[in-house]
Every structure is written in C-alpha cells, then in structure tokens.
Amino acid sequence: MATTVANLTVKGDTLEGTLATLTVSAPIAIIPNGRKAKESEPDYRIVSRKNGYELGAGWKKFSQATGAEYVSVVLSAPEFGTIYGNVANAPGDDPSKKVIIWNPPA
C-alpha cells in the first residue's frame, strides 16, 4: 500500500515541506543539484532545512505508461533506514502542492 511520507510546497525550482513518519518529523527541501556533472548523478539533493544534513537525492524519470515526467527519490537516515519513493501531485487541484509517496516492498 502506498503511503504519503512528506507534504511539499513548490517554491520556484525547490520543494519545501515536512518528512513525517511514525518516529520522524523533519523539515526538508528538495533542491536542484547545481553540481551535477555526469548523467548518473542526481538531479536533486534532499536536505534537512533544520541543520543542512543531506538526507537523499532525486532523479528525473519518465513514466513508461504515459511518458509524464516525475521525480524518483531515495531518503536515508539512521532514524528511518532507507525510503524509496516518488514525488507526486498532492490530492486536490493545487499545482503548488506535492507529496512523496513511499511504496514499501511487497
């Protein structure tokens, strides 16, 4: 079952919001990787807005079914392990609201 683990707001080319699990609530930002030098490097960095700690990265991907672009993310910290997810539109019609959806392994 897919689970929302972050609520985000679009602020220019950055997403800001809160990562929230059962044990963690942390302000985060998904920012463009201005140092990307190779195609294999991430398109985005995910950092804590509280202390600047880097929590993960994101890559631009394209849906095989629709061709729509989305961002695939990996978050990792001792408090919650590793989370693989995707940035998606939040419920409702507000294009400035996004979420990170975690799909746990089956």
N, C-alpha and C. Protein backbone atom coordinates (compact mmCIF):
# COMPACT_ATOMS: atom_id res chain seq x y z
N MET A 1 0.84 -1.17 0.00
CA MET A 1 0.00 0.00 0.00
C MET A 1 0.89 1.24 0.00
N ALA A 2 0.60 2.18 -0.88
CA ALA A 2 1.36 3.42 -0.97
C ALA A 2 1.03 4.31 0.23
N THR A 3 2.06 4.99 0.73
CA THR A 3 1.91 5.84 1.91
C THR A 3 2.57 7.19 1.66
N THR A 4 1.91 8.27 2.04
CA THR A 4 2.50 9.60 1.94
C THR A 4 3.45 9.79 3.11
N VAL A 5 4.72 10.13 2.81
CA VAL A 5 5.70 10.35 3.87
C VAL A 5 6.18 11.80 3.91
N ALA A 6 5.73 12.63 2.98
CA ALA A 6 6.11 14.05 3.01
C ALA A 6 5.06 14.87 2.28
N ASN A 7 4.78 16.03 2.83
CA ASN A 7 3.94 17.03 2.18
C ASN A 7 4.85 18.19 1.79
N LEU A 8 4.75 18.63 0.54
CA LEU A 8 5.67 19.62 0.00
C LEU A 8 4.94 20.76 -0.69
N THR A 9 5.61 21.91 -0.73
CA THR A 9 5.11 23.07 -1.45
C THR A 9 6.16 23.50 -2.46
N VAL A 10 5.72 23.77 -3.68
CA VAL A 10 6.62 24.23 -4.74
C VAL A 10 6.98 25.68 -4.46
N LYS A 11 8.30 25.97 -4.44
CA LYS A 11 8.80 27.33 -4.25
C LYS A 11 9.87 27.55 -5.32
N GLY A 12 9.43 28.01 -6.51
CA GLY A 12 10.35 28.15 -7.62
C GLY A 12 10.77 26.79 -8.12
N ASP A 13 12.08 26.53 -8.16
CA ASP A 13 12.56 25.22 -8.60
C ASP A 13 12.88 24.30 -7.41
N THR A 14 12.43 24.69 -6.22
CA THR A 14 12.66 23.93 -4.99
C THR A 14 11.33 23.46 -4.42
N LEU A 15 11.35 22.32 -3.74
CA LEU A 15 10.19 21.85 -2.99
C LEU A 15 10.55 21.89 -1.52
N GLU A 16 9.67 22.45 -0.68
CA GLU A 16 9.90 22.51 0.76
C GLU A 16 8.70 21.93 1.49
N GLY A 17 8.98 21.25 2.59
CA GLY A 17 7.89 20.69 3.36
C GLY A 17 8.38 19.89 4.53
N THR A 18 7.57 18.89 4.92
CA THR A 18 7.88 18.09 6.11
C THR A 18 7.87 16.61 5.77
N LEU A 19 8.96 15.94 6.11
CA LEU A 19 9.03 14.48 6.07
C LEU A 19 8.44 14.00 7.38
N ALA A 20 7.45 13.11 7.33
CA ALA A 20 6.80 12.65 8.55
C ALA A 20 6.57 11.15 8.49
N THR A 21 7.17 10.43 9.45
CA THR A 21 6.93 9.01 9.64
C THR A 21 6.44 8.83 11.07
N LEU A 22 6.30 7.59 11.53
CA LEU A 22 5.86 7.37 12.90
C LEU A 22 6.85 7.91 13.92
N THR A 23 8.15 7.95 13.56
CA THR A 23 9.16 8.37 14.52
C THR A 23 9.88 9.65 14.16
N VAL A 24 9.64 10.18 12.97
CA VAL A 24 10.39 11.34 12.50
C VAL A 24 9.44 12.40 11.96
N SER A 25 9.71 13.64 12.30
CA SER A 25 9.06 14.78 11.69
C SER A 25 10.15 15.81 11.46
N ALA A 26 10.49 16.04 10.18
CA ALA A 26 11.63 16.89 9.88
C ALA A 26 11.34 17.80 8.69
N PRO A 27 11.71 19.08 8.80
CA PRO A 27 11.56 19.98 7.66
C PRO A 27 12.62 19.64 6.61
N ILE A 28 12.18 19.47 5.35
CA ILE A 28 13.11 19.12 4.28
C ILE A 28 12.95 20.05 3.09
N ALA A 29 13.95 20.03 2.23
CA ALA A 29 13.89 20.75 0.96
C ALA A 29 14.49 19.85 -0.12
N ILE A 30 13.84 19.85 -1.27
CA ILE A 30 14.37 19.15 -2.45
C ILE A 30 14.85 20.25 -3.38
N ILE A 31 16.18 20.32 -3.57
CA ILE A 31 16.77 21.41 -4.32
C ILE A 31 17.52 20.88 -5.55
N PRO A 32 17.53 21.65 -6.64
CA PRO A 32 18.27 21.21 -7.82
C PRO A 32 19.75 21.01 -7.49
N ASN A 33 20.34 19.99 -8.08
CA ASN A 33 21.76 19.69 -7.89
C ASN A 33 22.56 20.54 -8.87
N GLY A 34 23.00 21.69 -8.42
CA GLY A 34 23.78 22.61 -9.26
C GLY A 34 25.15 22.10 -9.61
N ARG A 35 25.60 21.05 -8.94
CA ARG A 35 26.93 20.49 -9.21
C ARG A 35 26.89 19.25 -10.10
N LYS A 36 25.74 18.93 -10.67
CA LYS A 36 25.62 17.73 -11.50
C LYS A 36 26.57 17.84 -12.69
N ALA A 37 27.50 16.87 -12.77
CA ALA A 37 28.49 16.88 -13.84
C ALA A 37 28.35 15.67 -14.77
N LYS A 38 27.68 14.61 -14.30
CA LYS A 38 27.50 13.40 -15.09
C LYS A 38 26.03 13.01 -15.11
N GLU A 39 25.62 12.33 -16.16
CA GLU A 39 24.23 11.91 -16.29
C GLU A 39 23.79 11.02 -15.13
N SER A 40 24.70 10.23 -14.56
CA SER A 40 24.35 9.31 -13.48
C SER A 40 24.16 10.00 -12.13
N GLU A 41 24.61 11.24 -11.99
CA GLU A 41 24.45 11.96 -10.73
C GLU A 41 23.01 12.43 -10.57
N PRO A 42 22.56 12.60 -9.32
CA PRO A 42 21.17 13.00 -9.10
C PRO A 42 20.86 14.40 -9.63
N ASP A 43 19.59 14.57 -10.00
CA ASP A 43 19.11 15.88 -10.45
C ASP A 43 18.77 16.78 -9.27
N TYR A 44 18.49 16.17 -8.11
CA TYR A 44 18.11 16.92 -6.91
C TYR A 44 18.84 16.37 -5.69
N ARG A 45 19.02 17.24 -4.70
CA ARG A 45 19.51 16.85 -3.38
C ARG A 45 18.38 17.08 -2.40
N ILE A 46 18.27 16.21 -1.42
CA ILE A 46 17.25 16.36 -0.39
C ILE A 46 17.97 16.64 0.92
N VAL A 47 17.69 17.79 1.52
CA VAL A 47 18.40 18.22 2.72
C VAL A 47 17.42 18.58 3.83
N SER A 48 17.90 18.46 5.07
CA SER A 48 17.16 18.92 6.23
C SER A 48 17.22 20.44 6.26
N ARG A 49 16.07 21.10 6.39
CA ARG A 49 16.07 22.56 6.50
C ARG A 49 16.45 22.99 7.91
N LYS A 50 16.50 22.06 8.85
CA LYS A 50 16.86 22.38 10.22
C LYS A 50 18.37 22.49 10.40
N ASN A 51 19.12 21.54 9.82
CA ASN A 51 20.57 21.53 10.06
C ASN A 51 21.42 21.35 8.80
N GLY A 52 20.79 21.28 7.62
CA GLY A 52 21.54 21.14 6.38
C GLY A 52 22.00 19.74 6.06
N TYR A 53 21.71 18.77 6.92
CA TYR A 53 22.11 17.39 6.73
C TYR A 53 21.49 16.86 5.44
N GLU A 54 22.31 16.22 4.60
CA GLU A 54 21.79 15.66 3.36
C GLU A 54 21.13 14.32 3.64
N LEU A 55 19.86 14.21 3.28
CA LEU A 55 19.06 13.02 3.55
C LEU A 55 18.88 12.12 2.35
N GLY A 56 19.14 12.65 1.15
CA GLY A 56 18.89 11.82 -0.02
C GLY A 56 19.07 12.57 -1.32
N ALA A 57 18.51 11.97 -2.36
CA ALA A 57 18.66 12.52 -3.71
C ALA A 57 17.44 12.16 -4.54
N GLY A 58 17.32 12.85 -5.68
CA GLY A 58 16.20 12.59 -6.59
C GLY A 58 16.65 12.63 -8.03
N TRP A 59 15.99 11.81 -8.85
CA TRP A 59 16.31 11.72 -10.27
C TRP A 59 15.05 11.93 -11.09
N LYS A 60 15.15 12.71 -12.16
CA LYS A 60 14.04 12.88 -13.10
C LYS A 60 13.87 11.58 -13.87
N LYS A 61 12.64 11.12 -13.96
CA LYS A 61 12.29 9.89 -14.67
C LYS A 61 11.08 10.17 -15.55
N PHE A 62 10.78 9.22 -16.43
CA PHE A 62 9.60 9.33 -17.30
C PHE A 62 8.77 8.06 -17.17
N SER A 63 7.46 8.23 -17.01
CA SER A 63 6.54 7.11 -16.88
C SER A 63 6.53 6.30 -18.18
N GLN A 64 6.65 4.99 -18.06
CA GLN A 64 6.58 4.13 -19.24
C GLN A 64 5.18 4.13 -19.83
N ALA A 65 4.17 4.28 -18.97
CA ALA A 65 2.78 4.22 -19.44
C ALA A 65 2.34 5.50 -20.13
N THR A 66 2.70 6.67 -19.56
CA THR A 66 2.19 7.93 -20.08
C THR A 66 3.25 8.85 -20.65
N GLY A 67 4.51 8.60 -20.32
CA GLY A 67 5.59 9.48 -20.75
C GLY A 67 5.73 10.72 -19.88
N ALA A 68 4.90 10.84 -18.84
CA ALA A 68 4.95 12.01 -17.96
C ALA A 68 6.22 11.98 -17.11
N GLU A 69 6.80 13.17 -16.89
CA GLU A 69 7.99 13.27 -16.06
C GLU A 69 7.61 13.25 -14.58
N TYR A 70 8.44 12.60 -13.76
CA TYR A 70 8.27 12.60 -12.32
C TYR A 70 9.66 12.54 -11.69
N VAL A 71 9.73 12.66 -10.37
CA VAL A 71 11.00 12.59 -9.65
C VAL A 71 10.97 11.37 -8.74
N SER A 72 11.96 10.50 -8.91
CA SER A 72 12.16 9.33 -8.06
C SER A 72 13.16 9.72 -6.98
N VAL A 73 12.85 9.43 -5.71
CA VAL A 73 13.72 9.85 -4.61
C VAL A 73 14.16 8.68 -3.74
N VAL A 74 15.32 8.86 -3.12
CA VAL A 74 15.83 7.94 -2.11
C VAL A 74 16.21 8.79 -0.90
N LEU A 75 15.65 8.45 0.25
CA LEU A 75 15.95 9.13 1.51
C LEU A 75 16.56 8.11 2.45
N SER A 76 17.56 8.52 3.22
CA SER A 76 18.21 7.58 4.13
C SER A 76 18.74 8.30 5.37
N ALA A 77 18.46 7.72 6.54
CA ALA A 77 18.97 8.25 7.80
C ALA A 77 18.85 7.14 8.84
N PRO A 78 19.69 7.17 9.86
CA PRO A 78 19.63 6.12 10.88
C PRO A 78 18.26 6.01 11.55
N GLU A 79 17.52 7.10 11.65
CA GLU A 79 16.23 7.10 12.33
C GLU A 79 15.16 6.32 11.58
N PHE A 80 15.27 6.23 10.25
CA PHE A 80 14.21 5.56 9.49
C PHE A 80 14.71 4.59 8.42
N GLY A 81 16.01 4.40 8.31
CA GLY A 81 16.53 3.49 7.29
C GLY A 81 16.50 4.14 5.92
N THR A 82 16.10 3.37 4.91
CA THR A 82 16.05 3.88 3.55
C THR A 82 14.62 3.85 3.04
N ILE A 83 14.21 4.96 2.44
CA ILE A 83 12.88 5.09 1.84
C ILE A 83 13.06 5.36 0.36
N TYR A 84 12.42 4.55 -0.47
CA TYR A 84 12.37 4.79 -1.91
C TYR A 84 10.97 5.31 -2.22
N GLY A 85 10.89 6.40 -2.96
CA GLY A 85 9.57 6.95 -3.25
C GLY A 85 9.57 7.80 -4.50
N ASN A 86 8.43 8.40 -4.76
CA ASN A 86 8.25 9.27 -5.91
C ASN A 86 7.56 10.55 -5.47
N VAL A 87 7.94 11.66 -6.09
CA VAL A 87 7.23 12.91 -5.88
C VAL A 87 6.01 12.89 -6.80
N ALA A 88 4.85 13.19 -6.23
CA ALA A 88 3.59 13.17 -6.98
C ALA A 88 2.76 14.40 -6.62
N ASN A 89 1.75 14.67 -7.43
CA ASN A 89 0.83 15.74 -7.12
C ASN A 89 0.05 15.38 -5.85
N ALA A 90 -0.16 16.36 -4.99
CA ALA A 90 -0.96 16.14 -3.78
C ALA A 90 -2.43 16.04 -4.18
N PRO A 91 -3.24 15.40 -3.35
CA PRO A 91 -4.67 15.37 -3.63
C PRO A 91 -5.23 16.78 -3.77
N GLY A 92 -6.17 16.95 -4.67
CA GLY A 92 -6.75 18.26 -4.94
C GLY A 92 -6.19 18.82 -6.24
N ASP A 93 -6.52 20.03 -6.53
CA ASP A 93 -6.15 20.63 -7.81
C ASP A 93 -5.07 21.69 -7.70
N ASP A 94 -4.37 21.78 -6.58
CA ASP A 94 -3.37 22.82 -6.39
C ASP A 94 -2.02 22.37 -6.94
N PRO A 95 -1.55 22.95 -8.06
CA PRO A 95 -0.27 22.53 -8.65
C PRO A 95 0.94 22.88 -7.80
N SER A 96 0.77 23.70 -6.78
CA SER A 96 1.90 24.08 -5.92
C SER A 96 2.09 23.10 -4.76
N LYS A 97 1.24 22.09 -4.66
CA LYS A 97 1.32 21.10 -3.58
C LYS A 97 1.74 19.75 -4.14
N LYS A 98 2.75 19.15 -3.51
CA LYS A 98 3.26 17.84 -3.91
C LYS A 98 3.39 16.96 -2.67
N VAL A 99 3.57 15.67 -2.88
CA VAL A 99 3.82 14.72 -1.80
C VAL A 99 4.91 13.75 -2.23
N ILE A 100 5.55 13.11 -1.25
CA ILE A 100 6.41 11.98 -1.55
C ILE A 100 5.63 10.74 -1.16
N ILE A 101 5.46 9.86 -2.12
CA ILE A 101 4.75 8.59 -1.91
C ILE A 101 5.77 7.48 -1.74
N TRP A 102 5.67 6.75 -0.64
CA TRP A 102 6.53 5.60 -0.38
C TRP A 102 5.76 4.34 -0.72
N ASN A 103 6.36 3.51 -1.55
CA ASN A 103 5.79 2.20 -1.87
C ASN A 103 6.67 1.15 -1.21
N PRO A 104 6.22 0.60 -0.08
CA PRO A 104 7.05 -0.40 0.61
C PRO A 104 7.18 -1.65 -0.24
N PRO A 105 8.29 -2.38 -0.06
CA PRO A 105 8.45 -3.63 -0.79
C PRO A 105 7.33 -4.60 -0.47
N ALA A 106 6.93 -5.39 -1.45
CA ALA A 106 5.83 -6.34 -1.25
C ALA A 106 6.25 -7.49 -0.36
